[in-house]
Protein backbone atom coordinates (compact mmCIF):
# COMPACT_ATOMS: atom_id res chain seq x y z
CA MET A 1 6.36 -17.83 65.00
CA SER A 2 7.98 -21.27 65.31
CA THR A 3 5.91 -21.94 68.44
CA ASP A 4 2.67 -21.20 66.55
CA THR A 5 3.74 -23.42 63.66
CA SER A 6 4.71 -26.33 65.91
CA SER A 7 1.47 -26.03 67.88
CA MET A 8 -0.55 -26.04 64.63
CA VAL A 9 1.31 -29.12 63.38
CA SER A 10 0.80 -30.81 66.75
CA ALA A 11 -2.95 -30.02 66.74
CA ASN A 12 -3.32 -31.29 63.17
CA SER A 13 -1.41 -34.46 64.01
CA ARG A 14 -3.60 -35.04 67.09
CA ARG A 15 -6.75 -34.65 65.00
CA SER A 16 -5.32 -36.98 62.36
CA TRP A 17 -4.48 -39.89 64.67
CA ARG A 18 -7.71 -39.48 66.64
CA TYR A 19 -9.70 -39.59 63.42
CA LEU A 20 -7.81 -42.68 62.21
CA MET A 21 -8.24 -44.50 65.51
CA GLY A 22 -11.92 -43.54 65.74
CA VAL A 23 -12.67 -44.74 62.22
CA GLY A 24 -10.57 -47.85 62.83
CA VAL A 25 -12.49 -48.74 66.01
CA LEU A 26 -15.83 -48.19 64.21
CA ILE A 27 -14.82 -50.40 61.25
CA THR A 28 -13.46 -53.05 63.64
CA VAL A 29 -16.78 -53.15 65.52
CA LEU A 30 -18.64 -53.45 62.18
CA GLY A 31 -16.28 -56.28 61.22
CA VAL A 32 -16.96 -58.16 64.47
CA LEU A 33 -20.73 -57.75 63.97
CA ALA A 34 -20.42 -58.93 60.36
CA VAL A 35 -18.46 -62.03 61.39
CA ALA A 36 -20.98 -62.73 64.17
CA ALA A 37 -23.94 -62.52 61.75
CA PRO A 38 -22.59 -63.53 58.31
CA PHE A 39 -26.01 -64.26 56.76
CA VAL A 40 -27.42 -60.83 57.64
CA THR A 41 -24.19 -59.22 56.39
CA GLY A 42 -24.35 -61.17 53.13
CA VAL A 43 -27.96 -60.17 52.51
CA THR A 44 -27.04 -56.54 53.25
CA VAL A 45 -24.16 -56.71 50.76
CA SER A 46 -26.53 -58.20 48.19
CA ILE A 47 -29.05 -55.37 48.71
CA LEU A 48 -26.32 -52.71 48.49
CA LEU A 49 -25.00 -54.28 45.30
CA GLY A 50 -28.52 -54.27 43.85
CA ALA A 51 -28.95 -50.58 44.72
CA LEU A 52 -25.59 -49.74 43.13
CA LEU A 53 -26.58 -51.58 39.94
CA VAL A 54 -29.88 -49.66 39.76
CA PHE A 55 -27.98 -46.37 40.15
CA GLY A 56 -25.58 -47.58 37.47
CA ALA A 57 -28.54 -48.25 35.17
CA LEU A 58 -29.76 -44.67 35.67
CA GLY A 59 -26.27 -43.44 34.86
CA HIS A 60 -26.24 -45.40 31.61
CA VAL A 61 -29.67 -44.00 30.68
CA VAL A 62 -28.40 -40.46 31.19
CA ASN A 63 -25.24 -41.28 29.24
CA ALA A 64 -27.31 -42.73 26.38
CA PHE A 65 -28.68 -39.27 25.59
CA THR A 66 -25.30 -37.56 25.75
CA VAL A 67 -23.20 -40.00 23.73
CA GLY A 68 -23.00 -39.32 20.01
CA GLY A 69 -24.31 -41.74 17.39
CA LEU A 70 -27.05 -44.36 17.27
CA ALA A 71 -24.70 -47.27 18.03
CA GLY A 72 -23.40 -45.59 21.20
CA THR A 73 -26.94 -44.77 22.37
CA LEU A 74 -28.15 -48.34 21.80
CA TRP A 75 -25.10 -49.74 23.60
CA GLN A 76 -25.70 -47.49 26.63
CA LEU A 77 -29.40 -48.42 26.71
CA ALA A 78 -28.53 -52.13 26.52
CA LEU A 79 -26.15 -51.72 29.47
CA ALA A 80 -28.82 -49.78 31.36
CA ILE A 81 -31.32 -52.63 30.86
CA LEU A 82 -28.73 -55.21 31.96
CA TYR A 83 -27.83 -53.21 35.09
CA ALA A 84 -31.49 -52.57 35.90
CA VAL A 85 -32.51 -56.23 35.56
CA ALA A 86 -29.56 -57.40 37.69
CA GLY A 87 -30.11 -54.68 40.32
CA ILE A 88 -33.86 -55.18 40.61
CA SER A 89 -33.35 -58.97 40.82
CA LEU A 90 -30.94 -58.51 43.73
CA LEU A 91 -33.28 -56.08 45.49
CA ALA A 92 -36.33 -58.29 44.92
CA ASN A 93 -34.66 -61.44 46.24
CA PRO A 94 -31.36 -60.72 48.01
CA VAL A 95 -30.97 -64.35 49.13
CA ILE A 96 -30.82 -65.56 45.51
CA GLY A 97 -28.52 -62.60 44.87
CA LEU A 98 -26.34 -63.89 47.69
CA THR A 99 -26.00 -67.17 45.81
CA THR A 100 -24.94 -65.29 42.67
CA VAL A 101 -22.41 -63.19 44.60
CA THR A 102 -20.98 -66.37 46.14
CA LEU A 103 -20.53 -67.86 42.66
CA LEU A 104 -18.73 -64.68 41.59
CA LEU A 105 -16.51 -64.98 44.68
CA ILE A 106 -15.63 -68.56 43.76
CA VAL A 107 -14.66 -67.49 40.24
CA TYR A 108 -12.71 -64.51 41.60
CA PHE A 109 -10.70 -66.61 44.07
CA ALA A 110 -9.99 -69.26 41.42
CA VAL A 111 -8.78 -66.72 38.83
CA GLU A 112 -6.80 -64.76 41.44
CA GLY A 113 -5.16 -67.97 42.66
CA LEU A 114 -4.12 -69.04 39.18
CA ILE A 115 -2.72 -65.58 38.38
CA GLU A 116 -0.74 -65.39 41.63
CA ILE A 117 0.72 -68.85 41.11
CA ALA A 118 1.69 -67.93 37.53
CA VAL A 119 3.32 -64.69 38.75
CA GLY A 120 5.20 -66.60 41.46
CA VAL A 121 6.51 -69.17 38.98
CA GLN A 122 7.64 -66.40 36.63
CA ARG A 123 9.50 -64.67 39.50
CA ARG A 124 11.40 -67.73 40.71
CA ALA A 125 14.64 -65.74 40.57
CA GLU A 126 13.32 -63.34 43.24
CA PRO A 127 13.79 -64.25 46.91
CA HIS A 128 10.11 -63.98 47.90
CA TRP A 129 8.53 -65.72 44.90
CA PHE A 130 7.17 -68.52 47.09
CA TRP A 131 4.74 -66.14 48.84
CA TYR A 132 2.98 -65.47 45.54
CA VAL A 133 2.55 -69.20 45.02
CA ALA A 134 1.42 -69.73 48.62
CA SER A 135 -1.14 -66.92 48.37
CA GLY A 136 -2.41 -68.29 45.07
CA ALA A 137 -2.70 -71.78 46.55
CA VAL A 138 -4.73 -70.42 49.49
CA SER A 139 -7.08 -68.65 47.05
CA LEU A 140 -7.53 -71.86 45.05
CA VAL A 141 -8.21 -73.89 48.21
CA LEU A 142 -10.74 -71.28 49.33
CA ALA A 143 -12.44 -71.38 45.92
CA GLY A 144 -12.52 -75.19 46.10
CA LEU A 145 -14.01 -75.21 49.61
CA LEU A 146 -16.69 -72.69 48.66
CA TRP A 147 -17.54 -74.69 45.53
CA ALA A 148 -17.59 -78.01 47.41
CA GLY A 149 -20.16 -76.69 49.89
CA PHE A 150 -22.17 -74.66 47.37
CA PRO A 151 -25.01 -73.59 47.61
CA SER A 152 -25.00 -73.85 51.43
CA THR A 153 -21.80 -71.76 51.57
CA ALA A 154 -23.82 -68.83 50.19
CA ALA A 155 -25.43 -68.44 53.61
CA TRP A 156 -22.16 -67.43 55.26
CA ALA A 157 -19.32 -66.94 52.76
CA VAL A 158 -20.00 -63.38 51.59
CA GLY A 159 -20.84 -62.12 55.08
CA LEU A 160 -17.86 -63.81 56.73
CA LEU A 161 -15.37 -62.59 54.12
CA THR A 162 -16.82 -59.06 54.28
CA GLY A 163 -16.56 -59.13 58.07
CA LEU A 164 -12.96 -60.36 58.00
CA HIS A 165 -12.06 -57.65 55.50
CA LEU A 166 -13.68 -54.96 57.67
CA LEU A 167 -11.96 -56.37 60.75
CA SER A 168 -8.49 -56.35 59.18
CA THR A 169 -9.02 -52.84 57.75
CA GLY A 170 -10.24 -51.50 61.09
CA LEU A 171 -7.34 -53.01 63.04
CA LEU A 172 -4.90 -51.62 60.48
CA LEU A 173 -6.35 -48.10 60.88
CA VAL A 174 -6.20 -48.38 64.68
CA TYR A 175 -2.56 -49.46 64.44
CA VAL A 176 -1.67 -46.63 62.02
CA GLY A 177 -3.42 -44.14 64.32
CA TYR A 178 -1.58 -45.53 67.35
CA VAL A 179 1.78 -45.27 65.58
CA GLY A 180 0.88 -41.72 64.48
CA ARG A 181 -0.05 -40.84 68.05
CA ARG A 182 3.26 -42.09 69.38
CA GLY A 183 5.10 -40.25 66.60
CA GLY A 184 3.12 -37.06 67.34
CA VAL A 185 3.90 -37.27 71.04
CA ALA A 186 7.57 -37.86 70.30
CA SER A 187 7.79 -34.98 67.85
CA GLY A 188 5.90 -32.70 70.29
CA SER A 189 8.31 -33.47 73.12
CA GLU A 190 11.28 -32.96 70.80
CA ALA A 191 9.86 -29.58 69.76
CA MET A 192 9.41 -28.60 73.42
CA GLY A 193 13.02 -29.63 74.13
CA GLU A 194 14.26 -27.50 71.25
CA LEU A 195 12.26 -24.50 72.53
CA ARG A 196 13.67 -24.91 76.04
CA SER A 197 17.25 -25.17 74.76
CA GLY A 198 16.70 -22.10 72.52
């Protein structure tokens, strides 16, 4: 009985780390391609965002007929129109949408930087407070660089940042899968040793 259980656990663990490593390799390759062609990646992100906004508009239309009250219905319809206009605009001209997304990124990095610096200053008593401030400063510098080169930064910023994010996520999954594989091999050999001694 214990042999069957250990073999099932071992098989599940093998499937798990293989899946993680496979997905990690795929995401890493996508990240490398995205970094190599940031403009194409940025346009793709813009198109996907437009499609998501159009689907969101449809969701708000459906919700408008299920929510109770005239005010709620009008609010949902207004949101549906806003989502639809933004989504169709991105789909119709993804390059202009790329410019808008870059502006949103600049605002995001600036706000994130200010918040992280504020959190770091508030946590001065903690030993690692400086890393909050350093991270916030990097975000502010990044926001400043993107703004200084705007609108030309729109051609590469979104695609490059998306690619770097995919790359880091993929490498992390590969590493987690590798560690899981080593742990699975170790636990399998330990189980075999226990069976032999028993």
